[in-house]
Amino acid sequence: MRKPLAFRMRPTHINEIIGQEHLVGEGKILNRMVKADQLSSMILFGPPGTGKTSMAYALARTVGITVKILNAVTDKKKDMEIVVEEAKMRGNLVLILDEVHRLDKGKQDFLLPHLESNLITLIGCTTSNPYHSINPAIRSRCHLFELHALTVEDVKKALNRAIIDRDNGYGEKKVELTEEALQHFALSSNGDLRSALNGLELAVSSTPENQDGVILINLEIAEECMQKKSFSHDKNGDAHYDVLSAFQKSIRGSDVDAALHYLSRLIEAGDLESIARRMIVTAYEDIGLANPQAGPRALFAVQAAERLGFPEARIPLSVAIIELCLSPKSNTAYKALDLALADVRSGKGGEIPNHLKDAHYQGAEKLGRGVEYKYPHDYENGWVPQQYLPDSIKNKHYYQPKESGKFERAFKQVYEKMNQEKK
């Protein structure tokens, strides 16, 4: 039985990888690894369909190393032992491990010494954040590289390649996509190339040839095969992002009616993923400390919507959108962090005050570590003035509170009172 189109179209060389220019472009880290013939163990993480396993396979093939692909969930320790024995015979081997965040302790303990000796070059693939989900012992022995969702143009490029590829795609057939169909496959896949290729494969296999022997795939067929309605957008996809931008800016501008209008467009297109992302980021970016519960409530609404699915998903979404629109607005929290990040990145760090340094070891007191630290809970109201910032920036103030609502008004009063008492 022939393998799925998405599998057949996997790249076999770094030059065939779609997107991810920040990693594989000229002069970028993975490109440099390949040119130096020094492939190191790594974890590739990112959204589904971004080509993690495909990239891993292409990197190994490019440097000419034997590749084995296993799954941390379904494959057993015995399968890994077989891979290691083969590596001992060959001298080196790349093990691509899907779902690497599900690696259990027994498999992990078995692999660790072979990673340290470079007998095995591990390329782990996961949709999870490796800092949260992967055991530190494995993580510390691997480089971490994040893959981004593919752009609409990236997906179009891959679809067009599949249509003309004679060996692995549909080059032997006469397949034609209307521009509207191509655009819909690319947009409705939301950067998931596997989804787009699966949709194309279904369209080609289920569409009979016309009298000219052509398999013509139009927008209606594309919608049916992707199970998503088309946006009423222009052909280059600008209107897709215009609607998302207008949606977020309407919430920021507290215009309930406009926000509901643009939400309706996105609901009609079935684009729950984009709705969810914009709602959550707006709750924290534009409302923030003015209504600190807006973020968690937006997340709960999104989770309810995802569980319900359309059409019922519109109900929790409508509640959350109206609350977001009519909440007071404040961006002071992330603006304060941006100022702090700017100082750190420009080298304005300085020495941590001795009284704040770790004192949980023998000899710390002799070094003056933690000696003069004042434990806030020993004081009235659980607070006491003392220096926390390094000397070089001890008078720095990043947070610039507003009186944008009762919550931040209260925060402002506490913040200003504490700063006054520090003087």
Protein backbone atom coordinates (compact mmCIF):
# COMPACT_ATOMS: atom_id res chain seq x y z
CA MET A 1 0.00 0.00 0.00
CA ARG A 2 1.34 3.41 -0.96
CA LYS A 3 2.36 5.68 1.92
CA PRO A 4 0.49 8.95 2.59
CA LEU A 5 1.41 12.02 0.55
CA ALA A 6 2.70 13.90 3.62
CA PHE A 7 5.14 11.04 4.30
CA ARG A 8 6.24 10.75 0.67
CA MET A 9 6.95 14.48 0.41
CA ARG A 10 9.31 14.56 3.38
CA PRO A 11 12.55 16.34 2.45
CA THR A 12 15.72 14.28 2.16
CA HIS A 13 18.14 17.21 2.10
CA ILE A 14 18.45 20.43 4.08
CA ASN A 15 17.89 22.44 0.89
CA GLU A 16 14.43 20.87 0.49
CA ILE A 17 13.16 21.96 3.93
CA ILE A 18 10.18 24.32 3.70
CA GLY A 19 10.35 27.38 5.97
CA GLN A 20 12.36 27.54 9.23
CA GLU A 21 14.87 29.90 7.65
CA HIS A 22 15.95 31.00 11.14
CA LEU A 23 17.47 27.52 11.56
CA VAL A 24 18.35 26.21 8.10
CA GLY A 25 18.94 29.41 6.12
CA GLU A 26 22.40 30.34 4.91
CA GLY A 27 24.67 31.00 7.88
CA LYS A 28 22.10 29.81 10.43
CA ILE A 29 22.91 27.27 13.13
CA LEU A 30 21.63 24.02 11.58
CA ASN A 31 23.02 24.97 8.19
CA ARG A 32 26.40 25.55 9.82
CA MET A 33 26.21 22.21 11.64
CA VAL A 34 25.58 20.38 8.38
CA LYS A 35 28.37 22.19 6.52
CA ALA A 36 30.78 21.39 9.34
CA ASP A 37 29.58 17.75 9.30
CA GLN A 38 29.02 18.09 13.06
CA LEU A 39 25.44 17.11 13.80
CA SER A 40 24.81 17.36 17.55
CA SER A 41 22.02 15.96 19.69
CA MET A 42 19.06 18.32 19.71
CA ILE A 43 15.41 18.76 20.59
CA LEU A 44 13.15 20.20 17.88
CA PHE A 45 9.93 21.63 19.32
CA GLY A 46 7.01 23.51 17.83
CA PRO A 47 3.37 23.27 16.71
CA PRO A 48 2.05 20.18 14.88
CA GLY A 49 2.80 19.99 11.18
CA THR A 50 5.82 22.30 11.21
CA GLY A 51 8.12 19.56 9.93
CA LYS A 52 10.06 18.51 13.03
CA THR A 53 10.51 14.87 12.08
CA SER A 54 10.98 15.79 8.44
CA MET A 55 13.71 18.27 9.35
CA ALA A 56 15.43 15.71 11.56
CA TYR A 57 15.39 13.15 8.75
CA ALA A 58 16.65 15.66 6.18
CA LEU A 59 19.52 16.77 8.43
CA ALA A 60 20.68 13.19 8.99
CA ARG A 61 20.43 12.32 5.30
CA THR A 62 22.30 15.47 4.31
CA VAL A 63 25.33 14.51 6.40
CA GLY A 64 25.02 10.89 5.29
CA ILE A 65 24.44 9.29 8.69
CA THR A 66 22.25 6.22 9.16
CA VAL A 67 18.82 7.16 10.51
CA LYS A 68 16.45 5.27 12.78
CA ILE A 69 13.05 6.66 13.75
CA LEU A 70 11.38 5.57 16.98
CA ASN A 71 8.51 6.81 19.11
CA ALA A 72 9.09 7.35 22.83
CA VAL A 73 5.56 6.13 23.60
CA THR A 74 5.01 3.11 21.37
CA ASP A 75 8.55 1.76 20.96
CA LYS A 76 10.09 -0.21 23.79
CA LYS A 77 13.50 -0.16 25.43
CA LYS A 78 14.31 -3.31 23.41
CA ASP A 79 13.89 -1.30 20.19
CA MET A 80 16.40 1.23 21.49
CA GLU A 81 18.83 -1.53 22.38
CA ILE A 82 18.70 -2.75 18.77
CA VAL A 83 19.46 0.80 17.57
CA VAL A 84 22.44 1.06 19.92
CA GLU A 85 23.84 -2.29 18.74
CA GLU A 86 23.60 -1.11 15.14
CA ALA A 87 25.34 2.14 16.10
CA LYS A 88 28.19 0.13 17.65
CA MET A 89 28.67 -1.69 14.36
CA ARG A 90 28.46 1.44 12.20
CA GLY A 91 30.29 3.84 14.49
CA ASN A 92 27.54 6.47 14.66
CA LEU A 93 23.82 6.75 14.11
CA VAL A 94 21.06 9.36 14.31
CA LEU A 95 18.07 8.35 16.41
CA ILE A 96 14.99 10.44 15.66
CA LEU A 97 12.70 10.10 18.65
CA ASP A 98 9.15 11.36 18.21
CA GLU A 99 7.16 12.35 21.32
CA VAL A 100 10.47 12.67 23.15
CA HIS A 101 8.74 14.37 26.10
CA ARG A 102 7.09 11.01 26.88
CA LEU A 103 10.42 9.24 27.37
CA ASP A 104 10.17 7.20 30.57
CA LYS A 105 12.97 6.85 33.11
CA GLY A 106 14.04 3.38 32.02
CA LYS A 107 14.51 4.39 28.38
CA GLN A 108 16.13 7.64 29.42
CA ASP A 109 18.67 5.95 31.70
CA PHE A 110 19.52 3.55 28.88
CA LEU A 111 20.09 6.31 26.33
CA LEU A 112 22.06 8.80 28.47
CA PRO A 113 25.50 7.10 28.38
CA HIS A 114 25.25 6.62 24.62
CA LEU A 115 24.45 10.30 24.15
CA GLU A 116 27.41 11.27 26.32
CA SER A 117 29.77 9.05 24.32
CA ASN A 118 28.35 10.39 21.02
CA LEU A 119 27.59 6.86 19.89
CA ILE A 120 24.03 8.04 19.36
CA THR A 121 23.06 11.47 18.02
CA LEU A 122 19.56 12.07 19.34
CA ILE A 123 17.10 14.33 17.54
CA GLY A 124 14.00 14.50 19.71
CA CYS A 125 10.77 15.92 18.33
CA THR A 126 7.92 17.29 20.42
CA THR A 127 5.03 19.75 20.39
CA SER A 128 5.61 20.47 24.09
CA ASN A 129 7.80 23.13 25.65
CA PRO A 130 11.01 21.22 26.47
CA TYR A 131 11.67 23.37 29.53
CA HIS A 132 8.40 22.11 31.01
CA SER A 133 8.14 18.58 29.69
CA ILE A 134 11.58 17.07 29.08
CA ASN A 135 13.70 15.65 31.86
CA PRO A 136 16.68 17.95 32.61
CA ALA A 137 19.13 15.07 32.20
CA ILE A 138 18.14 14.69 28.54
CA ARG A 139 17.60 18.39 27.97
CA SER A 140 21.05 19.36 29.22
CA ARG A 141 22.67 17.09 26.66
CA CYS A 142 20.79 18.55 23.70
CA HIS A 143 20.57 21.82 21.84
CA LEU A 144 17.02 23.21 21.84
CA PHE A 145 15.60 24.58 18.58
CA GLU A 146 12.10 25.99 18.17
CA LEU A 147 10.25 25.56 14.87
CA HIS A 148 7.61 28.11 13.91
CA ALA A 149 4.26 27.58 12.20
CA LEU A 150 4.68 27.76 8.46
CA THR A 151 3.49 30.85 6.63
CA VAL A 152 0.77 30.73 3.99
CA GLU A 153 3.42 31.10 1.29
CA ASP A 154 5.44 28.22 2.77
CA VAL A 155 2.40 25.92 2.63
CA LYS A 156 1.59 27.01 -0.94
CA LYS A 157 5.15 26.24 -1.98
CA ALA A 158 4.89 22.74 -0.51
CA LEU A 159 1.52 22.08 -2.17
CA ASN A 160 2.79 23.20 -5.56
CA ARG A 161 5.84 20.99 -5.12
CA ALA A 162 3.60 18.00 -4.37
CA ILE A 163 1.57 18.62 -7.53
CA ILE A 164 4.58 18.60 -9.86
CA ASP A 165 6.74 15.97 -8.12
CA ARG A 166 6.76 12.92 -10.39
CA ASP A 167 8.33 10.51 -7.89
CA ASN A 168 6.47 11.24 -4.67
CA GLY A 169 3.64 13.58 -5.62
CA TYR A 170 1.19 13.94 -8.49
CA GLY A 171 3.52 14.86 -11.36
CA GLU A 172 2.36 11.82 -13.32
CA LYS A 173 -1.23 13.07 -13.18
CA LYS A 174 -2.83 16.22 -14.49
CA VAL A 175 -3.77 17.95 -11.25
CA GLU A 176 -4.81 21.59 -11.29
CA LEU A 177 -5.73 23.75 -8.30
CA THR A 178 -7.60 26.97 -8.73
CA GLU A 179 -5.94 29.89 -6.98
CA GLU A 180 -8.87 30.02 -4.54
CA ALA A 181 -8.44 26.32 -3.68
CA LEU A 182 -4.69 26.68 -3.19
CA GLN A 183 -5.27 29.68 -0.94
CA HIS A 184 -7.85 27.81 1.10
CA PHE A 185 -5.64 24.77 1.66
CA ALA A 186 -2.85 27.09 2.83
CA LEU A 187 -4.99 29.29 5.08
CA SER A 188 -7.23 26.70 6.68
CA SER A 189 -4.30 24.47 7.64
CA ASN A 190 -3.11 27.20 10.05
CA GLY A 191 0.54 26.51 9.33
CA ASP A 192 0.16 22.72 9.66
CA LEU A 193 1.71 21.37 6.46
CA ARG A 194 0.67 17.81 7.20
CA SER A 195 -2.96 18.93 7.37
CA ALA A 196 -2.68 20.78 4.07
CA LEU A 197 -1.08 17.81 2.30
CA ASN A 198 -3.68 15.44 3.75
CA GLY A 199 -6.40 17.73 2.40
CA LEU A 200 -4.78 17.83 -1.02
CA GLU A 201 -4.41 14.04 -1.05
CA LEU A 202 -8.08 13.58 -0.21
CA ALA A 203 -9.07 16.07 -2.90
CA VAL A 204 -7.00 14.37 -5.60
CA SER A 205 -8.11 10.85 -4.68
CA SER A 206 -11.81 11.76 -4.50
CA THR A 207 -12.09 14.00 -7.58
CA PRO A 208 -12.67 12.30 -10.95
CA GLU A 209 -10.88 13.48 -14.07
CA ASN A 210 -12.82 15.76 -16.40
CA GLN A 211 -13.19 15.18 -20.14
CA ASP A 212 -9.68 16.55 -20.68
CA GLY A 213 -8.17 14.09 -18.23
CA VAL A 214 -7.56 16.84 -15.66
CA ILE A 215 -8.26 16.53 -11.92
CA LEU A 216 -9.51 20.04 -11.32
CA ILE A 217 -9.76 21.04 -7.66
CA ASN A 218 -11.78 24.17 -6.97
CA LEU A 219 -12.64 26.08 -3.79
CA GLU A 220 -15.73 24.00 -3.06
CA ILE A 221 -13.72 20.76 -3.17
CA ALA A 222 -10.98 22.28 -1.03
CA GLU A 223 -13.53 23.39 1.58
CA GLU A 224 -15.06 19.92 1.67
CA CYS A 225 -11.71 18.18 2.02
CA MET A 226 -10.41 20.55 4.72
CA GLN A 227 -13.83 20.62 6.45
CA LYS A 228 -13.53 24.39 6.83
CA LYS A 229 -15.37 27.15 5.06
CA SER A 230 -13.38 29.68 3.11
CA PHE A 231 -12.77 33.16 4.41
CA SER A 232 -14.22 35.82 2.15
CA HIS A 233 -10.74 37.17 1.69
CA ASP A 234 -8.58 38.32 -1.17
CA LYS A 235 -6.33 35.87 -2.96
CA ASN A 236 -3.06 36.79 -1.29
CA GLY A 237 -4.48 36.25 2.19
CA ASP A 238 -4.05 39.82 3.43
CA ALA A 239 -7.70 40.03 4.46
CA HIS A 240 -7.28 37.01 6.74
CA TYR A 241 -4.78 38.93 8.82
CA ASP A 242 -6.75 42.14 8.41
CA VAL A 243 -9.74 40.52 10.13
CA LEU A 244 -7.55 39.22 12.96
CA SER A 245 -5.94 42.63 13.36
CA ALA A 246 -9.30 44.41 13.35
CA PHE A 247 -10.64 41.89 15.88
CA GLN A 248 -7.83 42.52 18.35
CA LYS A 249 -7.81 46.29 17.86
CA SER A 250 -11.58 46.46 18.36
CA ILE A 251 -11.21 44.74 21.74
CA ARG A 252 -8.34 47.06 22.65
CA GLY A 253 -10.49 50.01 21.61
CA SER A 254 -13.43 48.77 23.76
CA ASP A 255 -15.80 48.60 20.76
CA VAL A 256 -18.10 45.68 21.60
CA ASP A 257 -20.07 45.77 18.36
CA ALA A 258 -17.01 45.82 16.12
CA ALA A 259 -15.34 43.03 18.09
CA LEU A 260 -18.48 40.87 17.79
CA HIS A 261 -18.64 41.59 14.05
CA TYR A 262 -15.07 40.43 13.43
CA LEU A 263 -15.57 37.50 15.81
CA SER A 264 -18.53 36.47 13.62
CA ARG A 265 -16.35 36.48 10.51
CA LEU A 266 -13.81 34.23 12.21
CA ILE A 267 -16.53 31.91 13.52
CA GLU A 268 -17.99 31.57 10.01
CA ALA A 269 -14.52 30.57 8.83
CA GLY A 270 -14.23 28.04 11.67
CA ASP A 271 -10.96 29.58 12.83
CA LEU A 272 -11.19 28.86 16.56
CA GLU A 273 -7.42 28.62 16.90
CA SER A 274 -6.85 32.23 15.80
CA ILE A 275 -9.78 33.48 17.90
CA ALA A 276 -8.34 31.80 20.98
CA ARG A 277 -4.85 33.14 20.48
CA ARG A 278 -6.00 36.73 19.93
CA MET A 279 -8.38 36.67 22.90
CA ILE A 280 -5.77 35.39 25.33
CA VAL A 281 -2.98 37.71 24.21
CA THR A 282 -5.33 40.71 24.29
CA ALA A 283 -6.45 39.88 27.82
CA TYR A 284 -2.87 40.09 29.05
CA GLU A 285 -1.44 42.67 26.65
CA ASP A 286 -4.20 45.28 26.61
CA ILE A 287 -6.14 44.70 29.84
CA GLY A 288 -3.47 43.30 32.13
CA LEU A 289 -3.45 44.72 35.64
CA ALA A 290 -6.55 46.81 35.04
CA ASN A 291 -8.54 43.56 35.35
CA PRO A 292 -6.16 40.73 36.32
CA GLN A 293 -8.89 38.08 36.12
CA ALA A 294 -9.58 38.82 32.45
CA GLY A 295 -6.70 36.57 31.36
CA PRO A 296 -7.75 33.45 33.28
CA ARG A 297 -11.41 33.98 32.33
CA ALA A 298 -10.50 34.36 28.65
CA LEU A 299 -8.54 31.10 28.88
CA PHE A 300 -11.48 29.32 30.55
CA ALA A 301 -13.79 30.59 27.78
CA VAL A 302 -11.40 29.31 25.12
CA GLN A 303 -11.17 25.90 26.82
CA ALA A 304 -14.96 25.72 27.03
CA ALA A 305 -15.25 26.67 23.36
CA GLU A 306 -12.72 24.01 22.35
CA ARG A 307 -14.59 21.37 24.32
CA LEU A 308 -17.99 22.38 22.92
CA GLY A 309 -16.99 22.97 19.32
CA PHE A 310 -19.03 25.07 16.93
CA PRO A 311 -21.81 26.15 16.89
CA GLU A 312 -22.08 26.11 20.71
CA ALA A 313 -18.53 27.44 21.07
CA ARG A 314 -19.83 30.87 20.11
CA ILE A 315 -21.61 31.15 23.51
CA PRO A 316 -18.61 31.28 25.89
CA LEU A 317 -16.70 33.29 23.28
CA SER A 318 -19.37 35.99 23.20
CA VAL A 319 -19.34 36.32 27.00
CA ALA A 320 -15.56 36.65 27.12
CA ILE A 321 -15.34 39.11 24.23
CA ILE A 322 -17.85 41.51 25.79
CA GLU A 323 -15.98 41.37 29.12
CA LEU A 324 -12.66 42.03 27.39
CA CYS A 325 -14.09 44.98 25.46
CA LEU A 326 -15.67 46.65 28.48
CA SER A 327 -12.79 46.02 30.89
CA PRO A 328 -10.48 48.95 31.72
CA LYS A 329 -7.25 48.79 29.73
CA SER A 330 -3.62 48.76 30.86
CA ASN A 331 -0.37 47.64 29.24
CA THR A 332 1.86 48.64 32.16
CA ALA A 333 2.85 45.09 33.16
CA TYR A 334 4.48 43.95 29.94
CA LYS A 335 5.86 47.44 29.26
CA ALA A 336 7.59 47.29 32.65
CA LEU A 337 9.07 43.89 31.78
CA ASP A 338 10.26 45.18 28.38
CA LEU A 339 12.16 47.96 30.16
CA ALA A 340 13.76 45.43 32.51
CA LEU A 341 14.67 43.16 29.59
CA ALA A 342 16.24 46.11 27.78
CA ASP A 343 18.50 46.76 30.79
CA VAL A 344 19.50 43.10 31.08
CA ARG A 345 20.25 42.83 27.36
CA SER A 346 22.36 45.98 27.42
CA GLY A 347 24.48 44.67 30.29
CA LYS A 348 22.92 46.70 33.09
CA GLY A 349 22.84 43.87 35.57
CA GLY A 350 25.29 44.31 38.40
CA GLU A 351 26.15 42.24 41.43
CA ILE A 352 23.30 40.72 43.41
CA PRO A 353 23.33 42.18 46.96
CA ASN A 354 25.03 39.82 49.42
CA HIS A 355 22.02 39.62 51.72
CA LEU A 356 19.94 38.15 48.86
CA LYS A 357 22.45 35.48 47.82
CA ASP A 358 21.94 31.80 48.60
CA ALA A 359 22.96 30.96 52.16
CA HIS A 360 21.97 27.27 52.26
CA TYR A 361 25.48 25.84 52.45
CA GLN A 362 28.31 25.59 54.96
CA GLY A 363 30.56 28.60 54.94
CA ALA A 364 27.98 30.99 53.46
CA GLU A 365 27.96 33.13 56.60
CA LYS A 366 31.74 33.58 56.46
CA LEU A 367 31.32 34.93 52.95
CA GLY A 368 28.64 37.34 54.09
CA ARG A 369 25.93 35.56 52.13
CA GLY A 370 22.41 36.18 53.44
CA VAL A 371 23.66 37.60 56.73
CA GLU A 372 21.74 40.89 56.75
CA TYR A 373 18.63 39.59 54.99
CA LYS A 374 15.38 40.75 56.59
CA TYR A 375 12.63 38.12 56.43
CA PRO A 376 9.48 40.07 55.46
CA HIS A 377 7.12 37.80 57.41
CA ASP A 378 8.81 38.83 60.64
CA TYR A 379 7.54 42.38 60.15
CA GLU A 380 4.15 44.02 60.36
CA ASN A 381 2.12 43.64 57.14
CA GLY A 382 4.72 41.17 55.81
CA TRP A 383 6.96 43.88 54.36
CA VAL A 384 10.15 45.69 55.34
CA PRO A 385 12.25 48.17 53.35
CA GLN A 386 15.48 46.66 52.05
CA GLN A 387 17.49 46.74 48.84
CA TYR A 388 16.74 44.06 46.26
CA LEU A 389 18.18 45.50 43.03
CA PRO A 390 21.94 45.54 42.34
CA ASP A 391 23.75 48.71 43.46
CA SER A 392 24.20 49.98 39.90
CA ILE A 393 20.42 50.15 39.32
CA LYS A 394 19.10 50.25 42.87
CA ASN A 395 16.91 53.31 42.23
CA LYS A 396 15.50 52.03 38.94
CA HIS A 397 11.71 51.97 38.44
CA TYR A 398 10.36 49.87 35.56
CA TYR A 399 6.70 49.74 36.51
CA GLN A 400 4.75 52.90 35.68
CA PRO A 401 1.26 52.27 37.10
CA LYS A 402 -1.91 53.81 35.74
CA GLU A 403 -5.23 54.43 37.44
CA SER A 404 -7.02 52.39 34.78
CA GLY A 405 -9.31 50.49 37.11
CA LYS A 406 -9.83 49.64 40.76
CA PHE A 407 -7.24 46.86 40.70
CA GLU A 408 -4.36 48.85 39.25
CA ARG A 409 -5.39 51.91 41.26
CA ALA A 410 -4.87 49.80 44.39
CA PHE A 411 -1.59 48.39 43.03
CA LYS A 412 -0.41 51.94 42.30
CA GLN A 413 -1.06 53.05 45.87
CA VAL A 414 0.86 50.10 47.34
CA TYR A 415 3.73 50.50 44.86
CA GLU A 416 4.12 54.21 45.53
CA LYS A 417 3.87 53.80 49.31
CA MET A 418 6.58 51.14 49.32
CA ASN A 419 8.88 53.23 47.13
CA GLN A 420 8.37 56.18 49.43
CA GLU A 421 9.27 54.15 52.52
CA LYS A 422 12.45 52.86 50.83
CA LYS A 423 13.84 56.40 50.66
